[in-house]
Amino acid sequence: MAIRALLLNCTLKRSPSPSSSDLLGREVLAALAEQGVEGELVRVVDHDVRFGVSTDEGDGDGWPALRAKLLAAQILIIATPIWLGQPSSVCKMVLERLDAELSETDAEGRLCTYGKVAGVAVVGNEDGAHHTIGQVQQALNEVGFTCPAAGATYWVGEALHKLDYRDAGPKPDTTGRTTKALALNAAHLARLLAEQPYPPPETKNAGVGPSREPA
């Protein structure tokens, strides 16, 4: 089975502005390509994605088109910068939109995200990478994605400095190594789940979490 990956770059910068999360995201896709995985990178801010927790907020919402790409892929990678020790606001908006998947099931009652693998790529200055990865991975797992072992890669710059990842030069022995591990394990897990999907729930709504309304 052909495995496809979608990488959502949650930078705050519209194209064609330089983006360190874009660079790390492309490195992840290059590593996935070495595992035979075709991939696509999308900058979320280039699309008119609305705030909300439904699959379609209407009035020209850009999320349904991105969701269609997500549903057609077996691997989702979220790339985000760190701001104030947190995932970007764009990343949080994407996670909020994915909340709608708790109400979307296949013919056998499984979440549509079951069987899909999720990874995380994080860039920023100073610390916060582990905290950001933890937040994003937990949210992705909650809405049905499966996170592989070593399912994240990151780079952070020195405290009180302004060096960006795109200006820091290659890091093959650190970030590069974790990027390759993410790609290897994500591709492996995606193939396993494609061959042997999760079983359907024993009752119609078992395993499907409650949908939540925004405050």
N, C-alpha and C. Protein backbone atom coordinates (compact mmCIF):
# COMPACT_ATOMS: atom_id res chain seq x y z
N MET A 1 0.84 -1.20 0.00
CA MET A 1 0.00 0.00 0.00
C MET A 1 0.88 1.25 0.00
N ALA A 2 0.55 2.20 -0.87
CA ALA A 2 1.27 3.46 -0.89
C ALA A 2 0.92 4.28 0.35
N ILE A 3 1.94 4.82 1.00
CA ILE A 3 1.75 5.63 2.20
C ILE A 3 2.00 7.09 1.84
N ARG A 4 1.05 7.95 2.24
CA ARG A 4 1.18 9.38 2.00
C ARG A 4 1.23 10.13 3.33
N ALA A 5 1.94 11.25 3.31
CA ALA A 5 2.05 12.09 4.50
C ALA A 5 1.60 13.51 4.18
N LEU A 6 0.95 14.13 5.14
CA LEU A 6 0.59 15.55 5.06
C LEU A 6 1.29 16.25 6.20
N LEU A 7 2.04 17.29 5.89
CA LEU A 7 2.69 18.09 6.92
C LEU A 7 2.03 19.46 6.97
N LEU A 8 1.44 19.79 8.10
CA LEU A 8 0.82 21.10 8.30
C LEU A 8 1.81 21.99 9.02
N ASN A 9 2.30 23.00 8.32
CA ASN A 9 3.24 23.95 8.91
C ASN A 9 2.44 25.05 9.59
N CYS A 10 2.59 25.15 10.90
CA CYS A 10 1.79 26.10 11.69
C CYS A 10 2.57 27.36 12.03
N THR A 11 3.47 27.76 11.13
CA THR A 11 4.15 29.03 11.26
C THR A 11 3.14 30.17 11.23
N LEU A 12 3.52 31.31 11.78
CA LEU A 12 2.68 32.50 11.70
C LEU A 12 2.92 33.28 10.41
N LYS A 13 3.93 32.86 9.63
CA LYS A 13 4.35 33.61 8.44
C LYS A 13 3.71 33.05 7.18
N ARG A 14 3.10 33.93 6.40
CA ARG A 14 2.56 33.52 5.12
C ARG A 14 3.69 33.29 4.11
N SER A 15 3.45 32.44 3.13
CA SER A 15 4.40 32.25 2.04
C SER A 15 4.52 33.55 1.24
N PRO A 16 5.71 33.87 0.73
CA PRO A 16 6.93 33.06 0.72
C PRO A 16 7.93 33.43 1.82
N SER A 17 7.47 34.01 2.92
CA SER A 17 8.40 34.41 3.98
C SER A 17 9.20 33.21 4.47
N PRO A 18 10.50 33.39 4.74
CA PRO A 18 11.31 32.29 5.26
C PRO A 18 10.74 31.79 6.59
N SER A 19 10.81 30.48 6.80
CA SER A 19 10.23 29.88 7.99
C SER A 19 11.09 28.70 8.43
N SER A 20 11.54 28.74 9.69
CA SER A 20 12.35 27.63 10.21
C SER A 20 11.53 26.36 10.35
N SER A 21 10.26 26.50 10.73
CA SER A 21 9.42 25.30 10.82
C SER A 21 9.17 24.72 9.43
N ASP A 22 9.17 25.56 8.41
CA ASP A 22 9.06 25.08 7.04
C ASP A 22 10.29 24.25 6.67
N LEU A 23 11.46 24.74 7.04
CA LEU A 23 12.70 24.02 6.76
C LEU A 23 12.72 22.66 7.46
N LEU A 24 12.42 22.64 8.76
CA LEU A 24 12.42 21.38 9.48
C LEU A 24 11.34 20.45 8.92
N GLY A 25 10.19 21.00 8.56
CA GLY A 25 9.14 20.19 7.96
C GLY A 25 9.58 19.54 6.67
N ARG A 26 10.29 20.28 5.83
CA ARG A 26 10.77 19.71 4.57
C ARG A 26 11.84 18.65 4.82
N GLU A 27 12.61 18.82 5.87
CA GLU A 27 13.58 17.78 6.23
C GLU A 27 12.87 16.51 6.68
N VAL A 28 11.76 16.66 7.40
CA VAL A 28 10.97 15.49 7.79
C VAL A 28 10.42 14.79 6.55
N LEU A 29 9.88 15.57 5.60
CA LEU A 29 9.34 14.97 4.39
C LEU A 29 10.43 14.29 3.56
N ALA A 30 11.63 14.88 3.55
CA ALA A 30 12.74 14.26 2.83
C ALA A 30 13.12 12.93 3.48
N ALA A 31 13.11 12.88 4.81
CA ALA A 31 13.40 11.64 5.51
C ALA A 31 12.30 10.60 5.28
N LEU A 32 11.06 11.05 5.21
CA LEU A 32 9.97 10.13 4.90
C LEU A 32 10.09 9.60 3.48
N ALA A 33 10.53 10.44 2.56
CA ALA A 33 10.71 10.00 1.18
C ALA A 33 11.73 8.87 1.09
N GLU A 34 12.74 8.90 1.96
CA GLU A 34 13.72 7.83 2.01
C GLU A 34 13.08 6.51 2.44
N GLN A 35 11.93 6.61 3.12
CA GLN A 35 11.18 5.41 3.54
C GLN A 35 10.07 5.06 2.55
N GLY A 36 10.08 5.71 1.39
CA GLY A 36 9.09 5.41 0.37
C GLY A 36 7.75 6.10 0.57
N VAL A 37 7.73 7.17 1.36
CA VAL A 37 6.49 7.88 1.66
C VAL A 37 6.43 9.17 0.85
N GLU A 38 5.35 9.36 0.11
CA GLU A 38 5.12 10.62 -0.59
C GLU A 38 4.52 11.63 0.37
N GLY A 39 4.93 12.89 0.26
CA GLY A 39 4.44 13.87 1.21
C GLY A 39 4.15 15.22 0.60
N GLU A 40 3.36 15.99 1.31
CA GLU A 40 3.00 17.35 0.91
C GLU A 40 3.06 18.26 2.12
N LEU A 41 3.62 19.45 1.93
CA LEU A 41 3.68 20.45 3.00
C LEU A 41 2.71 21.58 2.69
N VAL A 42 1.92 21.95 3.69
CA VAL A 42 0.96 23.03 3.55
C VAL A 42 1.16 24.02 4.68
N ARG A 43 1.29 25.31 4.34
CA ARG A 43 1.29 26.35 5.37
C ARG A 43 -0.17 26.71 5.67
N VAL A 44 -0.57 26.48 6.88
CA VAL A 44 -1.97 26.69 7.24
C VAL A 44 -2.39 28.15 7.05
N VAL A 45 -1.49 29.09 7.36
CA VAL A 45 -1.86 30.51 7.26
C VAL A 45 -2.07 30.97 5.82
N ASP A 46 -1.66 30.16 4.84
CA ASP A 46 -1.93 30.51 3.45
C ASP A 46 -3.37 30.19 3.05
N HIS A 47 -4.11 29.58 3.98
CA HIS A 47 -5.50 29.19 3.72
C HIS A 47 -6.39 29.87 4.76
N ASP A 48 -7.60 30.17 4.35
CA ASP A 48 -8.52 30.91 5.23
C ASP A 48 -9.22 29.94 6.19
N VAL A 49 -8.44 29.38 7.12
CA VAL A 49 -8.99 28.45 8.09
C VAL A 49 -9.65 29.24 9.22
N ARG A 50 -10.90 28.92 9.51
CA ARG A 50 -11.65 29.64 10.51
C ARG A 50 -11.49 29.00 11.89
N PHE A 51 -11.68 29.78 12.91
CA PHE A 51 -11.74 29.25 14.26
C PHE A 51 -13.02 28.43 14.43
N GLY A 52 -12.94 27.36 15.19
CA GLY A 52 -14.13 26.56 15.44
C GLY A 52 -13.76 25.12 15.76
N VAL A 53 -14.77 24.30 16.03
CA VAL A 53 -14.55 22.89 16.37
C VAL A 53 -15.45 21.99 15.54
N SER A 54 -15.79 22.42 14.33
CA SER A 54 -16.57 21.59 13.42
C SER A 54 -15.70 21.25 12.21
N THR A 55 -16.17 20.34 11.36
CA THR A 55 -15.42 20.00 10.16
C THR A 55 -15.54 21.08 9.09
N ASP A 56 -16.54 21.94 9.20
CA ASP A 56 -16.72 23.01 8.22
C ASP A 56 -17.45 24.16 8.89
N GLU A 57 -16.76 25.30 9.02
CA GLU A 57 -17.36 26.48 9.64
C GLU A 57 -18.09 27.35 8.63
N GLY A 58 -18.13 26.92 7.35
CA GLY A 58 -18.90 27.64 6.34
C GLY A 58 -18.25 28.94 5.90
N ASP A 59 -18.93 29.65 4.98
CA ASP A 59 -18.53 30.98 4.54
C ASP A 59 -17.09 30.99 4.02
N GLY A 60 -16.74 30.01 3.19
CA GLY A 60 -15.42 29.99 2.60
C GLY A 60 -14.33 29.43 3.49
N ASP A 61 -14.68 28.72 4.53
CA ASP A 61 -13.70 28.12 5.45
C ASP A 61 -12.69 27.28 4.68
N GLY A 62 -11.40 27.48 4.95
CA GLY A 62 -10.36 26.73 4.26
C GLY A 62 -10.07 25.37 4.85
N TRP A 63 -10.66 25.04 6.02
CA TRP A 63 -10.33 23.78 6.67
C TRP A 63 -10.82 22.55 5.90
N PRO A 64 -12.05 22.53 5.33
CA PRO A 64 -12.50 21.31 4.66
C PRO A 64 -11.53 20.79 3.60
N ALA A 65 -10.90 21.68 2.85
CA ALA A 65 -9.93 21.24 1.83
C ALA A 65 -8.70 20.62 2.48
N LEU A 66 -8.25 21.21 3.58
CA LEU A 66 -7.11 20.63 4.29
C LEU A 66 -7.49 19.31 4.94
N ARG A 67 -8.71 19.24 5.44
CA ARG A 67 -9.18 17.99 6.05
C ARG A 67 -9.24 16.87 5.02
N ALA A 68 -9.64 17.19 3.80
CA ALA A 68 -9.68 16.18 2.75
C ALA A 68 -8.28 15.63 2.48
N LYS A 69 -7.27 16.50 2.49
CA LYS A 69 -5.90 16.04 2.33
C LYS A 69 -5.48 15.16 3.51
N LEU A 70 -5.89 15.55 4.71
CA LEU A 70 -5.58 14.79 5.91
C LEU A 70 -6.18 13.39 5.85
N LEU A 71 -7.45 13.30 5.43
CA LEU A 71 -8.12 12.01 5.39
C LEU A 71 -7.54 11.11 4.31
N ALA A 72 -6.92 11.71 3.28
CA ALA A 72 -6.32 10.93 2.21
C ALA A 72 -4.91 10.45 2.56
N ALA A 73 -4.36 10.97 3.65
CA ALA A 73 -3.00 10.61 4.07
C ALA A 73 -3.04 9.60 5.21
N GLN A 74 -1.95 8.87 5.35
CA GLN A 74 -1.82 7.93 6.47
C GLN A 74 -0.96 8.49 7.59
N ILE A 75 -0.21 9.54 7.28
CA ILE A 75 0.67 10.17 8.28
C ILE A 75 0.39 11.66 8.31
N LEU A 76 0.23 12.21 9.50
CA LEU A 76 0.10 13.66 9.70
C LEU A 76 1.27 14.14 10.54
N ILE A 77 1.97 15.15 10.04
CA ILE A 77 3.04 15.79 10.81
C ILE A 77 2.62 17.22 11.09
N ILE A 78 2.65 17.60 12.35
CA ILE A 78 2.40 18.99 12.74
C ILE A 78 3.75 19.65 13.01
N ALA A 79 4.06 20.69 12.26
CA ALA A 79 5.28 21.47 12.50
C ALA A 79 4.88 22.81 13.09
N THR A 80 5.49 23.17 14.21
CA THR A 80 5.12 24.42 14.86
C THR A 80 6.32 25.11 15.48
N PRO A 81 6.35 26.43 15.43
CA PRO A 81 7.33 27.16 16.22
C PRO A 81 6.87 27.25 17.67
N ILE A 82 7.77 27.64 18.54
CA ILE A 82 7.45 27.89 19.94
C ILE A 82 7.29 29.39 20.14
N TRP A 83 6.20 29.80 20.76
CA TRP A 83 6.00 31.19 21.15
C TRP A 83 5.57 31.21 22.62
N LEU A 84 6.36 31.92 23.43
CA LEU A 84 6.08 32.01 24.87
C LEU A 84 5.97 30.63 25.50
N GLY A 85 6.82 29.71 25.04
CA GLY A 85 6.83 28.36 25.59
C GLY A 85 5.68 27.49 25.16
N GLN A 86 4.90 27.94 24.16
CA GLN A 86 3.69 27.24 23.75
C GLN A 86 3.73 26.94 22.25
N PRO A 87 2.92 25.98 21.78
CA PRO A 87 2.73 25.85 20.33
C PRO A 87 2.14 27.14 19.78
N SER A 88 2.34 27.41 18.52
CA SER A 88 1.81 28.64 17.92
C SER A 88 0.29 28.66 17.97
N SER A 89 -0.27 29.85 17.86
CA SER A 89 -1.73 29.98 17.84
C SER A 89 -2.33 29.25 16.64
N VAL A 90 -1.61 29.21 15.54
CA VAL A 90 -2.08 28.48 14.37
C VAL A 90 -2.17 26.98 14.68
N CYS A 91 -1.15 26.47 15.36
CA CYS A 91 -1.16 25.06 15.76
C CYS A 91 -2.35 24.77 16.67
N LYS A 92 -2.60 25.64 17.61
CA LYS A 92 -3.73 25.42 18.53
C LYS A 92 -5.05 25.47 17.77
N MET A 93 -5.16 26.33 16.77
CA MET A 93 -6.37 26.38 15.97
C MET A 93 -6.56 25.07 15.21
N VAL A 94 -5.47 24.52 14.66
CA VAL A 94 -5.56 23.23 13.97
C VAL A 94 -6.03 22.14 14.92
N LEU A 95 -5.49 22.11 16.13
CA LEU A 95 -5.90 21.10 17.10
C LEU A 95 -7.38 21.27 17.47
N GLU A 96 -7.83 22.51 17.56
CA GLU A 96 -9.25 22.75 17.85
C GLU A 96 -10.13 22.24 16.71
N ARG A 97 -9.69 22.42 15.47
CA ARG A 97 -10.47 21.92 14.34
C ARG A 97 -10.50 20.39 14.33
N LEU A 98 -9.39 19.78 14.77
CA LEU A 98 -9.34 18.32 14.82
C LEU A 98 -10.25 17.75 15.91
N ASP A 99 -10.69 18.58 16.85
CA ASP A 99 -11.64 18.14 17.87
C ASP A 99 -12.91 17.58 17.23
N ALA A 100 -13.26 18.09 16.05
CA ALA A 100 -14.46 17.62 15.36
C ALA A 100 -14.37 16.15 14.99
N GLU A 101 -13.15 15.61 14.89
CA GLU A 101 -12.99 14.21 14.50
C GLU A 101 -13.54 13.26 15.56
N LEU A 102 -13.75 13.74 16.77
CA LEU A 102 -14.33 12.89 17.81
C LEU A 102 -15.77 12.49 17.48
N SER A 103 -16.38 13.19 16.53
CA SER A 103 -17.76 12.88 16.14
C SER A 103 -17.84 12.25 14.75
N GLU A 104 -16.69 11.99 14.11
CA GLU A 104 -16.67 11.45 12.76
C GLU A 104 -16.20 10.00 12.79
N THR A 105 -17.03 9.08 12.36
CA THR A 105 -16.68 7.66 12.40
C THR A 105 -16.86 7.01 11.03
N ASP A 106 -16.20 5.87 10.86
CA ASP A 106 -16.36 5.11 9.62
C ASP A 106 -17.55 4.16 9.74
N ALA A 107 -17.73 3.32 8.75
CA ALA A 107 -18.90 2.44 8.71
C ALA A 107 -18.93 1.44 9.85
N GLU A 108 -17.77 1.18 10.45
CA GLU A 108 -17.69 0.23 11.55
C GLU A 108 -17.62 0.91 12.92
N GLY A 109 -17.80 2.22 12.96
CA GLY A 109 -17.86 2.93 14.23
C GLY A 109 -16.53 3.42 14.75
N ARG A 110 -15.46 3.28 13.96
CA ARG A 110 -14.15 3.78 14.38
C ARG A 110 -13.99 5.24 13.99
N LEU A 111 -13.25 6.01 14.80
CA LEU A 111 -12.92 7.36 14.39
C LEU A 111 -12.21 7.32 13.05
N CYS A 112 -12.46 8.31 12.20
CA CYS A 112 -11.81 8.36 10.89
C CYS A 112 -10.29 8.54 11.00
N THR A 113 -9.84 9.01 12.14
CA THR A 113 -8.40 9.19 12.37
C THR A 113 -7.72 7.92 12.88
N TYR A 114 -8.51 6.92 13.29
CA TYR A 114 -7.91 5.66 13.72
C TYR A 114 -7.11 5.07 12.54
N GLY A 115 -5.94 4.57 12.83
CA GLY A 115 -5.09 4.02 11.79
C GLY A 115 -4.16 5.03 11.16
N LYS A 116 -4.33 6.31 11.52
CA LYS A 116 -3.43 7.35 11.02
C LYS A 116 -2.36 7.65 12.06
N VAL A 117 -1.15 7.88 11.59
CA VAL A 117 0.01 8.11 12.45
C VAL A 117 0.30 9.61 12.50
N ALA A 118 0.68 10.11 13.67
CA ALA A 118 0.97 11.54 13.82
C ALA A 118 2.35 11.76 14.42
N GLY A 119 3.06 12.74 13.89
CA GLY A 119 4.35 13.15 14.42
C GLY A 119 4.39 14.65 14.60
N VAL A 120 5.42 15.13 15.28
CA VAL A 120 5.53 16.55 15.63
C VAL A 120 6.95 17.04 15.32
N ALA A 121 7.04 18.23 14.77
CA ALA A 121 8.32 18.89 14.53
C ALA A 121 8.26 20.29 15.12
N VAL A 122 9.23 20.64 15.95
CA VAL A 122 9.17 21.89 16.71
C VAL A 122 10.48 22.66 16.55
N VAL A 123 10.37 23.97 16.34
CA VAL A 123 11.54 24.84 16.32
C VAL A 123 11.28 26.06 17.20
N GLY A 124 12.36 26.63 17.73
CA GLY A 124 12.21 27.83 18.55
C GLY A 124 13.51 28.23 19.19
N ASN A 125 13.48 29.32 19.87
CA ASN A 125 14.63 29.76 20.65
C ASN A 125 14.39 29.45 22.12
N GLU A 126 15.47 29.16 22.83
CA GLU A 126 15.44 28.79 24.24
C GLU A 126 14.69 27.46 24.41
N ASP A 127 14.16 27.20 25.59
CA ASP A 127 13.58 25.89 25.85
C ASP A 127 12.09 25.88 25.49
N GLY A 128 11.42 24.80 25.86
CA GLY A 128 10.00 24.68 25.57
C GLY A 128 9.66 23.61 24.57
N ALA A 129 10.65 22.96 23.96
CA ALA A 129 10.37 21.96 22.93
C ALA A 129 9.64 20.76 23.49
N HIS A 130 10.11 20.22 24.62
CA HIS A 130 9.47 19.03 25.19
C HIS A 130 8.04 19.34 25.62
N HIS A 131 7.85 20.51 26.21
CA HIS A 131 6.50 20.92 26.64
C HIS A 131 5.58 21.04 25.43
N THR A 132 6.06 21.66 24.36
CA THR A 132 5.25 21.85 23.16
C THR A 132 4.93 20.51 22.51
N ILE A 133 5.92 19.64 22.39
CA ILE A 133 5.70 18.31 21.82
C ILE A 133 4.66 17.55 22.64
N GLY A 134 4.78 17.61 23.97
CA GLY A 134 3.84 16.91 24.84
C GLY A 134 2.41 17.38 24.63
N GLN A 135 2.23 18.70 24.50
CA GLN A 135 0.89 19.24 24.28
C GLN A 135 0.29 18.76 22.96
N VAL A 136 1.09 18.84 21.91
CA VAL A 136 0.57 18.50 20.58
C VAL A 136 0.34 16.99 20.46
N GLN A 137 1.27 16.18 20.95
CA GLN A 137 1.10 14.73 20.87
C GLN A 137 -0.13 14.27 21.65
N GLN A 138 -0.33 14.83 22.84
CA GLN A 138 -1.49 14.43 23.64
C GLN A 138 -2.78 14.76 22.91
N ALA A 139 -2.85 15.94 22.31
CA ALA A 139 -4.06 16.34 21.60
C ALA A 139 -4.31 15.44 20.39
N LEU A 140 -3.26 15.15 19.64
CA LEU A 140 -3.41 14.30 18.47
C LEU A 140 -3.84 12.89 18.85
N ASN A 141 -3.28 12.38 19.92
CA ASN A 141 -3.66 11.04 20.38
C ASN A 141 -5.11 11.03 20.84
N GLU A 142 -5.55 12.11 21.49
CA GLU A 142 -6.91 12.16 22.01
C GLU A 142 -7.95 12.14 20.89
N VAL A 143 -7.60 12.71 19.74
CA VAL A 143 -8.57 12.74 18.64
C VAL A 143 -8.36 11.57 17.67
N GLY A 144 -7.60 10.55 18.08
CA GLY A 144 -7.57 9.30 17.35
C GLY A 144 -6.30 8.93 16.62
N PHE A 145 -5.32 9.82 16.57
CA PHE A 145 -4.07 9.50 15.90
C PHE A 145 -3.19 8.62 16.80
N THR A 146 -2.31 7.86 16.18
CA THR A 146 -1.35 7.02 16.89
C THR A 146 0.04 7.63 16.74
N CYS A 147 0.71 7.86 17.85
CA CYS A 147 2.05 8.45 17.83
C CYS A 147 3.10 7.33 17.91
N PRO A 148 4.06 7.30 17.02
CA PRO A 148 5.08 6.26 17.04
C PRO A 148 6.12 6.51 18.12
N ALA A 149 6.93 5.50 18.38
CA ALA A 149 8.10 5.71 19.24
C ALA A 149 9.00 6.76 18.60
N ALA A 150 9.62 7.60 19.43
CA ALA A 150 10.48 8.68 18.92
C ALA A 150 9.73 9.50 17.87
N GLY A 151 8.48 9.84 18.20
CA GLY A 151 7.59 10.46 17.23
C GLY A 151 7.68 11.96 17.13
N ALA A 152 8.84 12.54 17.42
CA ALA A 152 8.98 13.99 17.33
C ALA A 152 10.43 14.35 17.05
N THR A 153 10.61 15.50 16.43
CA THR A 153 11.94 16.05 16.22
C THR A 153 11.90 17.54 16.54
N TYR A 154 13.02 18.09 16.96
CA TYR A 154 13.00 19.51 17.34
C TYR A 154 14.39 20.12 17.31
N TRP A 155 14.40 21.45 17.31
CA TRP A 155 15.62 22.23 17.49
C TRP A 155 15.26 23.48 18.24
N VAL A 156 16.08 23.83 19.23
CA VAL A 156 15.91 25.11 19.93
C VAL A 156 17.27 25.80 20.01
N GLY A 157 17.24 27.12 19.90
CA GLY A 157 18.46 27.91 19.96
C GLY A 157 18.86 28.24 21.40
N GLU A 158 20.01 28.82 21.52
CA GLU A 158 20.56 29.17 22.83
C GLU A 158 19.72 30.26 23.49
N ALA A 159 19.62 30.21 24.81
CA ALA A 159 18.84 31.20 25.55
C ALA A 159 19.32 32.62 25.26
N LEU A 160 18.37 33.52 25.11
CA LEU A 160 18.59 34.95 24.90
C LEU A 160 19.29 35.26 23.59
N HIS A 161 19.31 34.32 22.67
CA HIS A 161 19.84 34.56 21.33
C HIS A 161 18.70 34.54 20.33
N LYS A 162 18.95 35.04 19.12
CA LYS A 162 17.91 35.15 18.11
C LYS A 162 18.18 34.30 16.88
N LEU A 163 19.11 33.36 16.99
CA LEU A 163 19.44 32.51 15.85
C LEU A 163 18.27 31.58 15.53
N ASP A 164 17.85 31.56 14.26
CA ASP A 164 16.79 30.67 13.81
C ASP A 164 17.39 29.38 13.26
N TYR A 165 16.58 28.35 13.26
CA TYR A 165 17.03 27.05 12.75
C TYR A 165 17.49 27.15 11.30
N ARG A 166 16.78 27.94 10.49
CA ARG A 166 17.13 28.05 9.09
C ARG A 166 18.48 28.73 8.89
N ASP A 167 19.00 29.43 9.92
CA ASP A 167 20.30 30.09 9.84
C ASP A 167 21.38 29.34 10.61
N ALA A 168 21.00 28.27 11.29
CA ALA A 168 21.94 27.59 12.18
C ALA A 168 22.80 26.55 11.48
N GLY A 169 22.42 26.17 10.26
CA GLY A 169 23.18 25.15 9.55
C GLY A 169 22.72 23.76 9.89
N PRO A 170 23.11 22.76 9.08
CA PRO A 170 22.67 21.38 9.30
C PRO A 170 23.07 20.85 10.67
N LYS A 171 22.18 20.01 11.24
CA LYS A 171 22.45 19.39 12.55
C LYS A 171 22.25 17.88 12.41
N PRO A 172 23.09 17.22 11.58
CA PRO A 172 22.85 15.80 11.28
C PRO A 172 22.95 14.88 12.49
N ASP A 173 23.76 15.23 13.47
CA ASP A 173 23.96 14.34 14.61
C ASP A 173 22.97 14.56 15.74
N THR A 174 22.15 15.60 15.64
CA THR A 174 21.18 15.87 16.70
C THR A 174 19.77 15.90 16.09
N THR A 175 19.35 17.05 15.61
CA THR A 175 18.03 17.16 14.99
C THR A 175 17.89 16.21 13.80
N GLY A 176 18.93 16.10 13.01
CA GLY A 176 18.88 15.21 11.85
C GLY A 176 18.63 13.76 12.25
N ARG A 177 19.26 13.34 13.35
CA ARG A 177 19.09 11.97 13.81
C ARG A 177 17.67 11.72 14.29
N THR A 178 17.11 12.67 15.05
CA THR A 178 15.73 12.50 15.53
C THR A 178 14.73 12.60 14.39
N THR A 179 15.03 13.41 13.37
CA THR A 179 14.16 13.51 12.21
C THR A 179 14.09 12.17 11.47
N LYS A 180 15.23 11.53 11.29
CA LYS A 180 15.26 10.24 10.61
C LYS A 180 14.53 9.17 11.43
N ALA A 181 14.67 9.23 12.76
CA ALA A 181 13.98 8.26 13.61
C ALA A 181 12.46 8.46 13.53
N LEU A 182 12.02 9.71 13.54
CA LEU A 182 10.59 10.01 13.38
C LEU A 182 10.07 9.44 12.07
N ALA A 183 10.78 9.69 10.97
CA ALA A 183 10.35 9.22 9.66
C ALA A 183 10.32 7.70 9.58
N LEU A 184 11.38 7.06 10.06
CA LEU A 184 11.47 5.60 10.02
C LEU A 184 10.32 4.95 10.79
N ASN A 185 10.10 5.41 12.01
CA ASN A 185 9.08 4.79 12.86
C ASN A 185 7.66 5.14 12.42
N ALA A 186 7.47 6.36 11.93
CA ALA A 186 6.14 6.75 11.44
C ALA A 186 5.75 5.93 10.21
N ALA A 187 6.68 5.78 9.28
CA ALA A 187 6.39 5.00 8.07
C ALA A 187 6.12 3.54 8.43
N HIS A 188 6.93 2.99 9.33
CA HIS A 188 6.76 1.59 9.75
C HIS A 188 5.39 1.39 10.40
N LEU A 189 5.03 2.28 11.32
CA LEU A 189 3.76 2.15 12.03
C LEU A 189 2.58 2.35 11.08
N ALA A 190 2.69 3.28 10.16
CA ALA A 190 1.61 3.52 9.20
C ALA A 190 1.34 2.28 8.35
N ARG A 191 2.40 1.60 7.95
CA ARG A 191 2.23 0.38 7.15
C ARG A 191 1.59 -0.73 7.99
N LEU A 192 2.01 -0.85 9.23
CA LEU A 192 1.42 -1.87 10.09
C LEU A 192 -0.08 -1.63 10.30
N LEU A 193 -0.46 -0.38 10.55
CA LEU A 193 -1.86 -0.07 10.78
C LEU A 193 -2.69 -0.20 9.51
N ALA A 194 -2.07 0.06 8.35
CA ALA A 194 -2.78 -0.12 7.09
C ALA A 194 -3.08 -1.60 6.84
N GLU A 195 -2.14 -2.45 7.23
CA GLU A 195 -2.32 -3.89 7.03
C GLU A 195 -3.25 -4.51 8.08
N GLN A 196 -3.22 -3.96 9.29
CA GLN A 196 -4.04 -4.51 10.37
C GLN A 196 -4.68 -3.36 11.14
N PRO A 197 -5.83 -2.88 10.70
CA PRO A 197 -6.48 -1.72 11.33
C PRO A 197 -6.92 -2.04 12.76
N TYR A 198 -7.17 -0.98 13.51
CA TYR A 198 -7.74 -1.15 14.83
C TYR A 198 -9.11 -1.84 14.71
N PRO A 199 -9.47 -2.67 15.69
CA PRO A 199 -10.79 -3.31 15.64
C PRO A 199 -11.90 -2.29 15.87
N PRO A 200 -13.08 -2.56 15.33
CA PRO A 200 -14.21 -1.66 15.59
C PRO A 200 -14.62 -1.76 17.05
N PRO A 201 -15.25 -0.71 17.60
CA PRO A 201 -15.70 -0.76 18.99
C PRO A 201 -16.77 -1.82 19.18
N GLU A 202 -16.84 -2.35 20.39
CA GLU A 202 -17.82 -3.40 20.69
C GLU A 202 -19.24 -2.86 20.69
N THR A 203 -19.40 -1.59 21.05
CA THR A 203 -20.71 -0.93 20.96
C THR A 203 -20.56 0.28 20.07
N LYS A 204 -21.66 0.81 19.62
CA LYS A 204 -21.65 1.84 18.59
C LYS A 204 -20.77 3.02 18.93
N ASN A 205 -20.79 3.49 20.17
CA ASN A 205 -20.06 4.71 20.53
C ASN A 205 -18.87 4.44 21.44
N ALA A 206 -18.48 3.18 21.60
CA ALA A 206 -17.36 2.88 22.48
C ALA A 206 -16.08 3.46 21.91
N GLY A 207 -15.27 4.05 22.78
CA GLY A 207 -13.99 4.56 22.37
C GLY A 207 -14.04 5.90 21.69
N VAL A 208 -15.21 6.45 21.49
CA VAL A 208 -15.34 7.75 20.85
C VAL A 208 -15.59 8.78 21.94
N GLY A 209 -14.66 9.72 22.07
CA GLY A 209 -14.77 10.70 23.13
C GLY A 209 -15.85 11.70 22.85
N PRO A 210 -16.28 12.45 23.86
CA PRO A 210 -17.34 13.45 23.68
C PRO A 210 -16.84 14.64 22.89
N SER A 211 -17.69 15.16 22.04
CA SER A 211 -17.35 16.40 21.37
C SER A 211 -17.49 17.54 22.36
N ARG A 212 -16.75 18.62 22.09
CA ARG A 212 -16.77 19.74 23.03
C ARG A 212 -17.13 21.01 22.30
N GLU A 213 -17.87 21.85 22.94
CA GLU A 213 -18.24 23.12 22.36
C GLU A 213 -17.29 24.20 22.87
N PRO A 214 -16.98 25.21 22.03
CA PRO A 214 -16.11 26.29 22.48
C PRO A 214 -16.78 27.11 23.57
N ALA A 215 -15.95 27.66 24.45
CA ALA A 215 -16.48 28.52 25.52
C ALA A 215 -17.02 29.81 24.93
